[in-house]
Amino acid sequence: MINADKKRTQILEAATRRFAHFGLAKTTMSEIAQDLSFSKALLYYYFPDKNTLYAAVLEHVINQSFEEIEEALPSFNGCHETIMFVLDRRIAFITKYYNLLEHSISAVQQTPNEMASVMADSKVKEKAIISKILQRGVDTGELYVEHMEETAEIMLFALAGMRFSILKDLNGVLFPTKEEFDRILSLQKKMATIFLRGLEVRSASDPQR
C-alpha cells in the first residue's frame, strides 16, 4: 500500500512538471511514463485517462498551496497583513501553474465529477483559512465578528464574485492573462481592506472608524 501511494505521488509530481511547463494539450501520457521509467500500463492503472490525471494533479498542487499558506499564517500579526499575504500567494500560485490552470475551464466539462470534487474541497479549505484569520482577529480584539462561518463565507463569495465580474469586463475571456490577474489582485486587495475595516472594533473616541 505504501509503495502504491509512493508511485501515485511520483506520477502526480511528474505530471505536474509536464503540465506546468507544456500545458495539458502538449503533454502525453507516454511522455509522463517515460519521465518516470514507468510503463504506460502502470500509468493507466492509477489514472484511466489524461483528464482524470489532470484533475488529480490540480487537487495535488492546490492542497500543497493551502498547506504552505497554513504553515505561514502564524508569522503574520494583523488580519489585514495576513489576508494580503493569502491573496498574494494565490496570484503567485496562478503564475507558477498558469499553463496547468488554463485548462481548468474545459476540464470541468470533460471530467465534471472529479473537477466538482476538487473545486468543492478547495472552497472548504479556503473558507477554513479565512475563518482562522478572522477568528484570530477576534481573539486579539482587532475584529468583531458575530457569525464567523457566515462572515467567512461572505468574504469568500465576495472575492470570487469580484473575479467573475472582472472576467465579464474582459470581453468574455474565460481565463485571464497573467497581466489581467494583476488587476484582479489589486481590486481584490481593495475589497478585502474595505471588508475588514467594516469588522474592526470601534473605540468610543473613534466612532467613524
N, C-alpha and C. Protein backbone atom coordinates (compact mmCIF):
# COMPACT_ATOMS: atom_id res chain seq x y z
N MET A 1 0.83 -1.21 0.00
CA MET A 1 0.00 0.00 0.00
C MET A 1 0.87 1.26 0.00
N ILE A 2 1.92 1.24 0.85
CA ILE A 2 2.82 2.39 0.92
C ILE A 2 3.51 2.59 -0.42
N ASN A 3 3.95 1.47 -1.04
CA ASN A 3 4.62 1.54 -2.32
C ASN A 3 3.68 2.07 -3.40
N ALA A 4 2.41 1.65 -3.33
CA ALA A 4 1.41 2.11 -4.30
C ALA A 4 1.18 3.61 -4.15
N ASP A 5 1.09 4.09 -2.91
CA ASP A 5 0.91 5.52 -2.67
C ASP A 5 2.11 6.31 -3.17
N LYS A 6 3.31 5.74 -3.00
CA LYS A 6 4.53 6.40 -3.46
C LYS A 6 4.52 6.53 -4.98
N LYS A 7 4.12 5.47 -5.66
CA LYS A 7 4.07 5.51 -7.13
C LYS A 7 3.05 6.55 -7.60
N ARG A 8 1.91 6.60 -6.93
CA ARG A 8 0.89 7.58 -7.31
C ARG A 8 1.42 9.00 -7.15
N THR A 9 2.12 9.24 -6.04
CA THR A 9 2.70 10.56 -5.80
C THR A 9 3.75 10.90 -6.85
N GLN A 10 4.56 9.92 -7.22
CA GLN A 10 5.57 10.14 -8.25
C GLN A 10 4.93 10.52 -9.58
N ILE A 11 3.83 9.85 -9.90
CA ILE A 11 3.11 10.17 -11.14
C ILE A 11 2.56 11.59 -11.09
N LEU A 12 1.97 11.95 -9.96
CA LEU A 12 1.41 13.30 -9.81
C LEU A 12 2.49 14.37 -9.95
N GLU A 13 3.64 14.14 -9.35
CA GLU A 13 4.71 15.13 -9.40
C GLU A 13 5.29 15.25 -10.81
N ALA A 14 5.44 14.12 -11.50
CA ALA A 14 5.95 14.15 -12.87
C ALA A 14 4.94 14.83 -13.80
N ALA A 15 3.67 14.51 -13.62
CA ALA A 15 2.63 15.13 -14.45
C ALA A 15 2.52 16.62 -14.16
N THR A 16 2.70 17.01 -12.91
CA THR A 16 2.67 18.43 -12.56
C THR A 16 3.75 19.19 -13.31
N ARG A 17 4.95 18.64 -13.33
CA ARG A 17 6.06 19.30 -14.04
C ARG A 17 5.74 19.43 -15.52
N ARG A 18 5.22 18.38 -16.12
CA ARG A 18 4.88 18.39 -17.54
C ARG A 18 3.77 19.39 -17.84
N PHE A 19 2.68 19.30 -17.09
CA PHE A 19 1.53 20.18 -17.33
C PHE A 19 1.90 21.64 -17.10
N ALA A 20 2.68 21.90 -16.04
CA ALA A 20 3.04 23.28 -15.71
C ALA A 20 3.95 23.90 -16.77
N HIS A 21 4.78 23.07 -17.40
CA HIS A 21 5.73 23.59 -18.39
C HIS A 21 5.14 23.63 -19.80
N PHE A 22 4.46 22.55 -20.19
CA PHE A 22 3.99 22.44 -21.56
C PHE A 22 2.48 22.65 -21.71
N GLY A 23 1.73 22.57 -20.60
CA GLY A 23 0.28 22.62 -20.70
C GLY A 23 -0.28 21.23 -20.95
N LEU A 24 -1.57 21.10 -20.79
CA LEU A 24 -2.21 19.79 -20.92
C LEU A 24 -2.19 19.27 -22.35
N ALA A 25 -2.52 20.13 -23.30
CA ALA A 25 -2.66 19.70 -24.70
C ALA A 25 -1.35 19.16 -25.27
N LYS A 26 -0.22 19.71 -24.84
CA LYS A 26 1.07 19.32 -25.40
C LYS A 26 1.78 18.26 -24.57
N THR A 27 1.07 17.67 -23.63
CA THR A 27 1.63 16.61 -22.80
C THR A 27 0.90 15.31 -23.08
N THR A 28 1.65 14.23 -23.22
CA THR A 28 1.03 12.92 -23.44
C THR A 28 1.30 12.01 -22.25
N MET A 29 0.46 11.00 -22.12
CA MET A 29 0.66 10.02 -21.06
C MET A 29 1.97 9.26 -21.28
N SER A 30 2.33 9.05 -22.54
CA SER A 30 3.58 8.35 -22.85
C SER A 30 4.79 9.12 -22.33
N GLU A 31 4.76 10.45 -22.48
CA GLU A 31 5.88 11.28 -22.01
C GLU A 31 6.01 11.22 -20.49
N ILE A 32 4.87 11.25 -19.81
CA ILE A 32 4.91 11.17 -18.35
C ILE A 32 5.46 9.83 -17.91
N ALA A 33 5.04 8.76 -18.57
CA ALA A 33 5.54 7.42 -18.26
C ALA A 33 7.05 7.34 -18.50
N GLN A 34 7.51 7.93 -19.61
CA GLN A 34 8.94 7.92 -19.93
C GLN A 34 9.74 8.69 -18.89
N ASP A 35 9.21 9.81 -18.42
CA ASP A 35 9.91 10.60 -17.40
C ASP A 35 10.17 9.78 -16.15
N LEU A 36 9.27 8.86 -15.85
CA LEU A 36 9.36 8.06 -14.63
C LEU A 36 9.96 6.67 -14.86
N SER A 37 10.21 6.35 -16.13
CA SER A 37 10.62 4.99 -16.49
C SER A 37 9.57 3.98 -16.06
N PHE A 38 8.31 4.40 -16.16
CA PHE A 38 7.17 3.52 -15.88
C PHE A 38 6.59 3.06 -17.21
N SER A 39 5.89 1.94 -17.17
CA SER A 39 5.15 1.51 -18.36
C SER A 39 3.85 2.32 -18.45
N LYS A 40 3.33 2.45 -19.67
CA LYS A 40 2.05 3.14 -19.83
C LYS A 40 0.95 2.38 -19.11
N ALA A 41 1.08 1.06 -19.07
CA ALA A 41 0.07 0.25 -18.39
C ALA A 41 -0.01 0.60 -16.91
N LEU A 42 1.16 0.84 -16.30
CA LEU A 42 1.18 1.21 -14.88
C LEU A 42 0.53 2.57 -14.68
N LEU A 43 0.83 3.49 -15.59
CA LEU A 43 0.24 4.83 -15.51
C LEU A 43 -1.29 4.76 -15.60
N TYR A 44 -1.78 3.97 -16.54
CA TYR A 44 -3.22 3.84 -16.72
C TYR A 44 -3.88 3.04 -15.59
N TYR A 45 -3.08 2.27 -14.87
CA TYR A 45 -3.62 1.55 -13.71
C TYR A 45 -4.07 2.55 -12.64
N TYR A 46 -3.29 3.62 -12.47
CA TYR A 46 -3.61 4.64 -11.47
C TYR A 46 -4.58 5.70 -12.00
N PHE A 47 -4.43 6.03 -13.28
CA PHE A 47 -5.27 7.08 -13.87
C PHE A 47 -5.74 6.62 -15.25
N PRO A 48 -7.04 6.41 -15.43
CA PRO A 48 -7.55 5.82 -16.67
C PRO A 48 -7.39 6.69 -17.91
N ASP A 49 -7.23 8.01 -17.73
CA ASP A 49 -7.03 8.88 -18.88
C ASP A 49 -6.36 10.17 -18.42
N LYS A 50 -5.96 10.98 -19.38
CA LYS A 50 -5.20 12.19 -19.07
C LYS A 50 -6.03 13.22 -18.31
N ASN A 51 -7.31 13.30 -18.61
CA ASN A 51 -8.15 14.28 -17.91
C ASN A 51 -8.34 13.93 -16.44
N THR A 52 -8.46 12.64 -16.15
CA THR A 52 -8.55 12.20 -14.75
C THR A 52 -7.25 12.51 -14.02
N LEU A 53 -6.13 12.28 -14.70
CA LEU A 53 -4.83 12.62 -14.12
C LEU A 53 -4.72 14.12 -13.89
N TYR A 54 -5.22 14.90 -14.83
CA TYR A 54 -5.19 16.35 -14.69
C TYR A 54 -5.94 16.80 -13.43
N ALA A 55 -7.13 16.25 -13.21
CA ALA A 55 -7.91 16.62 -12.03
C ALA A 55 -7.16 16.27 -10.75
N ALA A 56 -6.49 15.12 -10.76
CA ALA A 56 -5.71 14.69 -9.58
C ALA A 56 -4.52 15.61 -9.36
N VAL A 57 -3.88 16.03 -10.44
CA VAL A 57 -2.74 16.95 -10.34
C VAL A 57 -3.21 18.29 -9.79
N LEU A 58 -4.33 18.77 -10.28
CA LEU A 58 -4.87 20.04 -9.80
C LEU A 58 -5.15 19.97 -8.30
N GLU A 59 -5.76 18.88 -7.87
CA GLU A 59 -6.01 18.69 -6.44
C GLU A 59 -4.71 18.66 -5.65
N HIS A 60 -3.70 18.00 -6.21
CA HIS A 60 -2.39 17.86 -5.57
C HIS A 60 -1.73 19.22 -5.34
N VAL A 61 -1.68 20.06 -6.38
CA VAL A 61 -0.98 21.34 -6.24
C VAL A 61 -1.79 22.33 -5.39
N ILE A 62 -3.11 22.25 -5.47
CA ILE A 62 -3.95 23.12 -4.63
C ILE A 62 -3.75 22.78 -3.16
N ASN A 63 -3.73 21.49 -2.84
CA ASN A 63 -3.52 21.07 -1.45
C ASN A 63 -2.15 21.51 -0.94
N GLN A 64 -1.14 21.39 -1.79
CA GLN A 64 0.21 21.84 -1.41
C GLN A 64 0.21 23.33 -1.11
N SER A 65 -0.48 24.10 -1.93
CA SER A 65 -0.54 25.55 -1.74
C SER A 65 -1.21 25.90 -0.42
N PHE A 66 -2.33 25.25 -0.12
CA PHE A 66 -3.03 25.52 1.13
C PHE A 66 -2.17 25.13 2.34
N GLU A 67 -1.44 24.04 2.23
CA GLU A 67 -0.56 23.62 3.33
C GLU A 67 0.53 24.65 3.58
N GLU A 68 1.10 25.20 2.51
CA GLU A 68 2.14 26.23 2.65
C GLU A 68 1.58 27.50 3.29
N ILE A 69 0.37 27.87 2.89
CA ILE A 69 -0.27 29.05 3.47
C ILE A 69 -0.54 28.83 4.96
N GLU A 70 -1.07 27.66 5.30
CA GLU A 70 -1.36 27.34 6.71
C GLU A 70 -0.10 27.43 7.56
N GLU A 71 1.01 26.92 7.04
CA GLU A 71 2.27 26.94 7.79
C GLU A 71 2.77 28.36 8.01
N ALA A 72 2.48 29.26 7.07
CA ALA A 72 3.00 30.63 7.14
C ALA A 72 2.13 31.56 7.99
N LEU A 73 0.87 31.21 8.23
CA LEU A 73 -0.06 32.10 8.92
C LEU A 73 0.45 32.60 10.28
N PRO A 74 1.05 31.75 11.11
CA PRO A 74 1.49 32.24 12.44
C PRO A 74 2.55 33.34 12.39
N SER A 75 3.21 33.51 11.25
CA SER A 75 4.27 34.52 11.17
C SER A 75 3.73 35.93 10.92
N PHE A 76 2.42 36.05 10.73
CA PHE A 76 1.81 37.36 10.49
C PHE A 76 1.03 37.81 11.73
N ASN A 77 0.95 39.13 11.91
CA ASN A 77 0.30 39.66 13.10
C ASN A 77 -1.16 40.06 12.85
N GLY A 78 -1.37 41.14 12.13
CA GLY A 78 -2.72 41.64 11.92
C GLY A 78 -3.48 40.90 10.85
N CYS A 79 -4.81 41.02 10.89
CA CYS A 79 -5.67 40.35 9.91
C CYS A 79 -5.45 40.88 8.51
N HIS A 80 -5.30 42.20 8.39
CA HIS A 80 -5.13 42.80 7.07
C HIS A 80 -3.86 42.28 6.41
N GLU A 81 -2.77 42.28 7.15
CA GLU A 81 -1.50 41.78 6.61
C GLU A 81 -1.62 40.32 6.20
N THR A 82 -2.33 39.54 6.99
CA THR A 82 -2.45 38.11 6.71
C THR A 82 -3.30 37.86 5.47
N ILE A 83 -4.41 38.58 5.35
CA ILE A 83 -5.27 38.42 4.17
C ILE A 83 -4.53 38.86 2.91
N MET A 84 -3.75 39.94 2.99
CA MET A 84 -2.97 40.39 1.84
C MET A 84 -1.97 39.31 1.42
N PHE A 85 -1.38 38.66 2.41
CA PHE A 85 -0.45 37.56 2.12
C PHE A 85 -1.16 36.42 1.38
N VAL A 86 -2.35 36.06 1.85
CA VAL A 86 -3.11 34.97 1.23
C VAL A 86 -3.44 35.32 -0.23
N LEU A 87 -3.85 36.56 -0.47
CA LEU A 87 -4.17 36.98 -1.83
C LEU A 87 -2.93 36.99 -2.72
N ASP A 88 -1.81 37.44 -2.16
CA ASP A 88 -0.55 37.43 -2.91
C ASP A 88 -0.15 36.00 -3.28
N ARG A 89 -0.31 35.09 -2.33
CA ARG A 89 0.07 33.70 -2.58
C ARG A 89 -0.83 33.07 -3.64
N ARG A 90 -2.09 33.49 -3.67
CA ARG A 90 -3.00 32.95 -4.69
C ARG A 90 -2.51 33.34 -6.09
N ILE A 91 -2.12 34.60 -6.26
CA ILE A 91 -1.64 35.05 -7.56
C ILE A 91 -0.30 34.39 -7.90
N ALA A 92 0.56 34.23 -6.89
CA ALA A 92 1.83 33.55 -7.12
C ALA A 92 1.59 32.11 -7.57
N PHE A 93 0.59 31.47 -6.98
CA PHE A 93 0.21 30.11 -7.36
C PHE A 93 -0.27 30.07 -8.80
N ILE A 94 -1.12 31.02 -9.17
CA ILE A 94 -1.64 31.08 -10.54
C ILE A 94 -0.52 31.31 -11.54
N THR A 95 0.41 32.19 -11.20
CA THR A 95 1.53 32.48 -12.09
C THR A 95 2.42 31.24 -12.28
N LYS A 96 2.68 30.55 -11.18
CA LYS A 96 3.54 29.36 -11.23
C LYS A 96 2.91 28.25 -12.06
N TYR A 97 1.60 28.07 -11.91
CA TYR A 97 0.91 26.96 -12.58
C TYR A 97 -0.04 27.44 -13.67
N TYR A 98 0.30 28.55 -14.30
CA TYR A 98 -0.60 29.14 -15.29
C TYR A 98 -0.95 28.15 -16.40
N ASN A 99 0.06 27.47 -16.95
CA ASN A 99 -0.19 26.52 -18.04
C ASN A 99 -1.07 25.36 -17.59
N LEU A 100 -0.96 25.02 -16.33
CA LEU A 100 -1.79 23.95 -15.77
C LEU A 100 -3.22 24.42 -15.56
N LEU A 101 -3.38 25.59 -14.97
CA LEU A 101 -4.70 26.09 -14.61
C LEU A 101 -5.52 26.55 -15.82
N GLU A 102 -4.82 26.91 -16.89
CA GLU A 102 -5.50 27.42 -18.07
C GLU A 102 -6.52 26.43 -18.63
N HIS A 103 -6.29 25.15 -18.37
CA HIS A 103 -7.17 24.10 -18.90
C HIS A 103 -8.35 23.82 -17.98
N SER A 104 -8.39 24.45 -16.81
CA SER A 104 -9.39 24.09 -15.80
C SER A 104 -10.83 24.32 -16.27
N ILE A 105 -11.04 25.31 -17.13
CA ILE A 105 -12.40 25.59 -17.61
C ILE A 105 -12.94 24.42 -18.43
N SER A 106 -12.16 23.97 -19.40
CA SER A 106 -12.62 22.86 -20.24
C SER A 106 -12.63 21.54 -19.47
N ALA A 107 -11.76 21.43 -18.46
CA ALA A 107 -11.71 20.20 -17.66
C ALA A 107 -13.02 19.97 -16.91
N VAL A 108 -13.68 21.05 -16.54
CA VAL A 108 -14.96 20.94 -15.83
C VAL A 108 -15.98 20.21 -16.70
N GLN A 109 -15.91 20.43 -18.01
CA GLN A 109 -16.84 19.77 -18.93
C GLN A 109 -16.43 18.33 -19.21
N GLN A 110 -15.12 18.08 -19.23
CA GLN A 110 -14.63 16.75 -19.59
C GLN A 110 -14.64 15.76 -18.43
N THR A 111 -14.38 16.26 -17.23
CA THR A 111 -14.40 15.41 -16.04
C THR A 111 -15.19 16.13 -14.94
N PRO A 112 -16.50 16.29 -15.13
CA PRO A 112 -17.30 17.11 -14.22
C PRO A 112 -17.29 16.63 -12.77
N ASN A 113 -17.37 15.33 -12.55
CA ASN A 113 -17.42 14.82 -11.18
C ASN A 113 -16.11 15.05 -10.44
N GLU A 114 -14.99 14.73 -11.11
CA GLU A 114 -13.68 14.91 -10.49
C GLU A 114 -13.41 16.39 -10.21
N MET A 115 -13.71 17.25 -11.18
CA MET A 115 -13.44 18.67 -11.02
C MET A 115 -14.36 19.30 -9.97
N ALA A 116 -15.60 18.84 -9.91
CA ALA A 116 -16.52 19.35 -8.90
C ALA A 116 -16.00 19.03 -7.50
N SER A 117 -15.44 17.83 -7.35
CA SER A 117 -14.87 17.44 -6.06
C SER A 117 -13.67 18.30 -5.70
N VAL A 118 -12.80 18.55 -6.69
CA VAL A 118 -11.61 19.39 -6.46
C VAL A 118 -12.02 20.80 -6.05
N MET A 119 -12.97 21.38 -6.78
CA MET A 119 -13.40 22.75 -6.50
C MET A 119 -14.10 22.86 -5.15
N ALA A 120 -14.92 21.87 -4.82
CA ALA A 120 -15.63 21.89 -3.54
C ALA A 120 -14.65 21.80 -2.38
N ASP A 121 -13.65 20.93 -2.51
CA ASP A 121 -12.65 20.78 -1.47
C ASP A 121 -11.81 22.05 -1.32
N SER A 122 -11.51 22.68 -2.46
CA SER A 122 -10.75 23.93 -2.43
C SER A 122 -11.52 25.03 -1.71
N LYS A 123 -12.81 25.09 -1.97
CA LYS A 123 -13.66 26.09 -1.31
C LYS A 123 -13.68 25.89 0.20
N VAL A 124 -13.80 24.64 0.63
CA VAL A 124 -13.82 24.33 2.07
C VAL A 124 -12.51 24.77 2.72
N LYS A 125 -11.39 24.47 2.07
CA LYS A 125 -10.08 24.82 2.64
C LYS A 125 -9.87 26.33 2.67
N GLU A 126 -10.30 27.01 1.61
CA GLU A 126 -10.13 28.47 1.56
C GLU A 126 -11.00 29.14 2.62
N LYS A 127 -12.21 28.65 2.80
CA LYS A 127 -13.09 29.19 3.83
C LYS A 127 -12.51 28.96 5.21
N ALA A 128 -11.89 27.80 5.43
CA ALA A 128 -11.29 27.49 6.73
C ALA A 128 -10.14 28.44 7.04
N ILE A 129 -9.35 28.79 6.02
CA ILE A 129 -8.24 29.71 6.22
C ILE A 129 -8.76 31.11 6.57
N ILE A 130 -9.78 31.57 5.84
CA ILE A 130 -10.36 32.88 6.14
C ILE A 130 -10.95 32.89 7.54
N SER A 131 -11.64 31.82 7.92
CA SER A 131 -12.21 31.73 9.27
C SER A 131 -11.13 31.80 10.33
N LYS A 132 -10.02 31.12 10.09
CA LYS A 132 -8.92 31.12 11.05
C LYS A 132 -8.33 32.52 11.22
N ILE A 133 -8.19 33.24 10.11
CA ILE A 133 -7.65 34.60 10.17
C ILE A 133 -8.61 35.52 10.93
N LEU A 134 -9.89 35.43 10.60
CA LEU A 134 -10.88 36.28 11.27
C LEU A 134 -10.98 35.93 12.75
N GLN A 135 -10.92 34.65 13.07
CA GLN A 135 -11.01 34.23 14.47
C GLN A 135 -9.84 34.76 15.28
N ARG A 136 -8.67 34.76 14.68
CA ARG A 136 -7.50 35.30 15.38
C ARG A 136 -7.69 36.80 15.61
N GLY A 137 -8.32 37.48 14.64
CA GLY A 137 -8.61 38.90 14.81
C GLY A 137 -9.57 39.15 15.96
N VAL A 138 -10.55 38.26 16.10
CA VAL A 138 -11.49 38.36 17.22
C VAL A 138 -10.77 38.11 18.54
N ASP A 139 -9.92 37.08 18.56
CA ASP A 139 -9.20 36.71 19.79
C ASP A 139 -8.26 37.81 20.28
N THR A 140 -7.71 38.58 19.34
CA THR A 140 -6.78 39.66 19.71
C THR A 140 -7.49 40.99 19.94
N GLY A 141 -8.81 41.01 19.73
CA GLY A 141 -9.55 42.25 19.93
C GLY A 141 -9.52 43.19 18.74
N GLU A 142 -8.98 42.71 17.63
CA GLU A 142 -8.88 43.54 16.43
C GLU A 142 -10.22 43.64 15.70
N LEU A 143 -10.96 42.53 15.69
CA LEU A 143 -12.21 42.46 14.95
C LEU A 143 -13.37 42.05 15.85
N TYR A 144 -14.57 42.38 15.38
CA TYR A 144 -15.78 41.86 15.99
C TYR A 144 -16.56 41.13 14.91
N VAL A 145 -16.74 39.83 15.10
CA VAL A 145 -17.47 39.00 14.13
C VAL A 145 -18.54 38.24 14.88
N GLU A 146 -19.79 38.51 14.53
CA GLU A 146 -20.89 37.88 15.25
C GLU A 146 -21.15 36.45 14.77
N HIS A 147 -21.10 36.25 13.47
CA HIS A 147 -21.34 34.92 12.90
C HIS A 147 -20.14 34.54 12.04
N MET A 148 -19.21 33.80 12.63
CA MET A 148 -17.92 33.54 11.99
C MET A 148 -18.06 32.79 10.66
N GLU A 149 -18.77 31.67 10.67
CA GLU A 149 -18.89 30.86 9.46
C GLU A 149 -19.53 31.64 8.32
N GLU A 150 -20.58 32.34 8.65
CA GLU A 150 -21.30 33.12 7.63
C GLU A 150 -20.44 34.26 7.10
N THR A 151 -19.72 34.93 8.00
CA THR A 151 -18.87 36.05 7.59
C THR A 151 -17.74 35.59 6.69
N ALA A 152 -17.12 34.47 7.05
CA ALA A 152 -16.04 33.92 6.22
C ALA A 152 -16.55 33.55 4.83
N GLU A 153 -17.75 32.99 4.80
CA GLU A 153 -18.33 32.60 3.51
C GLU A 153 -18.67 33.82 2.67
N ILE A 154 -19.18 34.88 3.30
CA ILE A 154 -19.49 36.11 2.57
C ILE A 154 -18.21 36.69 1.97
N MET A 155 -17.13 36.70 2.74
CA MET A 155 -15.87 37.23 2.22
C MET A 155 -15.36 36.39 1.06
N LEU A 156 -15.47 35.07 1.20
CA LEU A 156 -15.05 34.17 0.13
C LEU A 156 -15.86 34.41 -1.14
N PHE A 157 -17.18 34.55 -0.99
CA PHE A 157 -18.05 34.80 -2.14
C PHE A 157 -17.77 36.16 -2.76
N ALA A 158 -17.45 37.15 -1.91
CA ALA A 158 -17.15 38.48 -2.43
C ALA A 158 -15.90 38.46 -3.29
N LEU A 159 -14.88 37.74 -2.84
CA LEU A 159 -13.65 37.63 -3.62
C LEU A 159 -13.90 36.89 -4.94
N ALA A 160 -14.66 35.80 -4.85
CA ALA A 160 -14.97 35.03 -6.06
C ALA A 160 -15.85 35.84 -7.01
N GLY A 161 -16.82 36.55 -6.44
CA GLY A 161 -17.71 37.36 -7.26
C GLY A 161 -16.96 38.45 -7.99
N MET A 162 -15.96 39.02 -7.34
CA MET A 162 -15.16 40.05 -8.00
C MET A 162 -14.38 39.46 -9.16
N ARG A 163 -13.88 38.24 -8.99
CA ARG A 163 -13.16 37.58 -10.08
C ARG A 163 -14.07 37.43 -11.30
N PHE A 164 -15.29 36.94 -11.07
CA PHE A 164 -16.22 36.72 -12.18
C PHE A 164 -16.64 38.04 -12.81
N SER A 165 -16.81 39.07 -11.99
CA SER A 165 -17.20 40.38 -12.51
C SER A 165 -16.11 40.94 -13.40
N ILE A 166 -14.87 40.80 -12.97
CA ILE A 166 -13.74 41.30 -13.76
C ILE A 166 -13.60 40.51 -15.05
N LEU A 167 -13.82 39.20 -14.97
CA LEU A 167 -13.75 38.36 -16.17
C LEU A 167 -14.78 38.81 -17.19
N LYS A 168 -15.96 39.20 -16.70
CA LYS A 168 -17.01 39.67 -17.60
C LYS A 168 -16.58 40.95 -18.31
N ASP A 169 -15.82 41.79 -17.60
CA ASP A 169 -15.33 43.03 -18.18
C ASP A 169 -14.24 42.79 -19.22
N LEU A 170 -13.63 41.60 -19.16
CA LEU A 170 -12.53 41.28 -20.08
C LEU A 170 -13.06 40.64 -21.36
N ASN A 171 -14.18 41.15 -21.84
CA ASN A 171 -14.76 40.71 -23.11
C ASN A 171 -15.03 39.21 -23.17
N GLY A 172 -15.50 38.66 -22.06
CA GLY A 172 -15.89 37.26 -22.07
C GLY A 172 -14.74 36.28 -21.99
N VAL A 173 -13.53 36.75 -21.71
CA VAL A 173 -12.38 35.85 -21.60
C VAL A 173 -12.59 34.94 -20.40
N LEU A 174 -12.48 33.62 -20.63
CA LEU A 174 -12.73 32.68 -19.54
C LEU A 174 -11.53 32.58 -18.60
N PHE A 175 -10.33 32.67 -19.14
CA PHE A 175 -9.15 32.59 -18.29
C PHE A 175 -8.24 33.76 -18.61
N PRO A 176 -8.06 34.68 -17.66
CA PRO A 176 -7.31 35.92 -17.93
C PRO A 176 -5.83 35.65 -18.19
N THR A 177 -5.17 36.66 -18.74
CA THR A 177 -3.72 36.61 -18.89
C THR A 177 -3.09 36.88 -17.52
N LYS A 178 -1.78 36.67 -17.43
CA LYS A 178 -1.09 36.94 -16.16
C LYS A 178 -1.20 38.41 -15.78
N GLU A 179 -1.16 39.29 -16.78
CA GLU A 179 -1.27 40.72 -16.50
C GLU A 179 -2.66 41.07 -15.97
N GLU A 180 -3.67 40.42 -16.52
CA GLU A 180 -5.04 40.68 -16.07
C GLU A 180 -5.26 40.16 -14.65
N PHE A 181 -4.54 39.12 -14.29
CA PHE A 181 -4.63 38.63 -12.91
C PHE A 181 -4.06 39.66 -11.93
N ASP A 182 -3.09 40.45 -12.37
CA ASP A 182 -2.55 41.52 -11.52
C ASP A 182 -3.64 42.54 -11.20
N ARG A 183 -4.46 42.84 -12.18
CA ARG A 183 -5.57 43.78 -11.96
C ARG A 183 -6.58 43.18 -10.98
N ILE A 184 -6.86 41.90 -11.16
CA ILE A 184 -7.79 41.22 -10.26
C ILE A 184 -7.26 41.28 -8.83
N LEU A 185 -5.96 41.02 -8.65
CA LEU A 185 -5.36 41.05 -7.32
C LEU A 185 -5.49 42.43 -6.69
N SER A 186 -5.21 43.47 -7.46
CA SER A 186 -5.28 44.84 -6.95
C SER A 186 -6.68 45.17 -6.43
N LEU A 187 -7.69 44.82 -7.21
CA LEU A 187 -9.06 45.12 -6.81
C LEU A 187 -9.52 44.24 -5.65
N GLN A 188 -9.07 43.00 -5.62
CA GLN A 188 -9.43 42.12 -4.50
C GLN A 188 -8.83 42.63 -3.20
N LYS A 189 -7.62 43.16 -3.26
CA LYS A 189 -6.99 43.71 -2.06
C LYS A 189 -7.78 44.91 -1.54
N LYS A 190 -8.24 45.75 -2.45
CA LYS A 190 -9.03 46.91 -2.04
C LYS A 190 -10.35 46.47 -1.41
N MET A 191 -10.99 45.47 -2.02
CA MET A 191 -12.25 44.97 -1.49
C MET A 191 -12.04 44.35 -0.11
N ALA A 192 -10.97 43.56 0.05
CA ALA A 192 -10.69 42.91 1.33
C ALA A 192 -10.41 43.95 2.42
N THR A 193 -9.72 45.03 2.05
CA THR A 193 -9.44 46.10 3.01
C THR A 193 -10.73 46.74 3.50
N ILE A 194 -11.64 47.03 2.58
CA ILE A 194 -12.94 47.61 2.94
C ILE A 194 -13.72 46.64 3.83
N PHE A 195 -13.71 45.37 3.47
CA PHE A 195 -14.44 44.33 4.22
C PHE A 195 -13.92 44.26 5.66
N LEU A 196 -12.60 44.22 5.82
CA LEU A 196 -12.02 44.10 7.16
C LEU A 196 -12.26 45.35 8.00
N ARG A 197 -12.23 46.51 7.36
CA ARG A 197 -12.49 47.74 8.11
C ARG A 197 -13.90 47.74 8.68
N GLY A 198 -14.82 47.11 7.98
CA GLY A 198 -16.18 47.01 8.47
C GLY A 198 -16.31 46.11 9.68
N LEU A 199 -15.31 45.25 9.91
CA LEU A 199 -15.33 44.33 11.05
C LEU A 199 -14.48 44.82 12.22
N GLU A 200 -13.75 45.92 12.02
CA GLU A 200 -12.86 46.41 13.07
C GLU A 200 -13.65 46.83 14.31
N VAL A 201 -13.06 46.57 15.46
CA VAL A 201 -13.65 47.00 16.73
C VAL A 201 -13.49 48.51 16.83
N ARG A 202 -14.59 49.21 17.00
CA ARG A 202 -14.55 50.67 17.07
C ARG A 202 -14.44 51.13 18.52
N SER A 203 -13.59 52.11 18.73
CA SER A 203 -13.46 52.69 20.06
C SER A 203 -14.42 53.86 20.20
N ALA A 204 -14.72 54.23 21.43
CA ALA A 204 -15.64 55.34 21.68
C ALA A 204 -15.09 56.65 21.16
N SER A 205 -13.75 56.77 21.13
CA SER A 205 -13.12 58.01 20.67
C SER A 205 -12.99 58.07 19.16
N ASP A 206 -13.28 56.95 18.48
CA ASP A 206 -13.15 56.91 17.03
C ASP A 206 -14.37 56.21 16.43
N PRO A 207 -15.55 56.79 16.59
CA PRO A 207 -16.79 56.11 16.19
C PRO A 207 -16.93 55.92 14.69
N GLN A 208 -16.22 56.71 13.89
CA GLN A 208 -16.37 56.60 12.44
C GLN A 208 -15.46 55.54 11.84
N ARG A 209 -14.55 55.03 12.61
CA ARG A 209 -13.60 54.07 12.06
C ARG A 209 -14.21 52.69 11.92
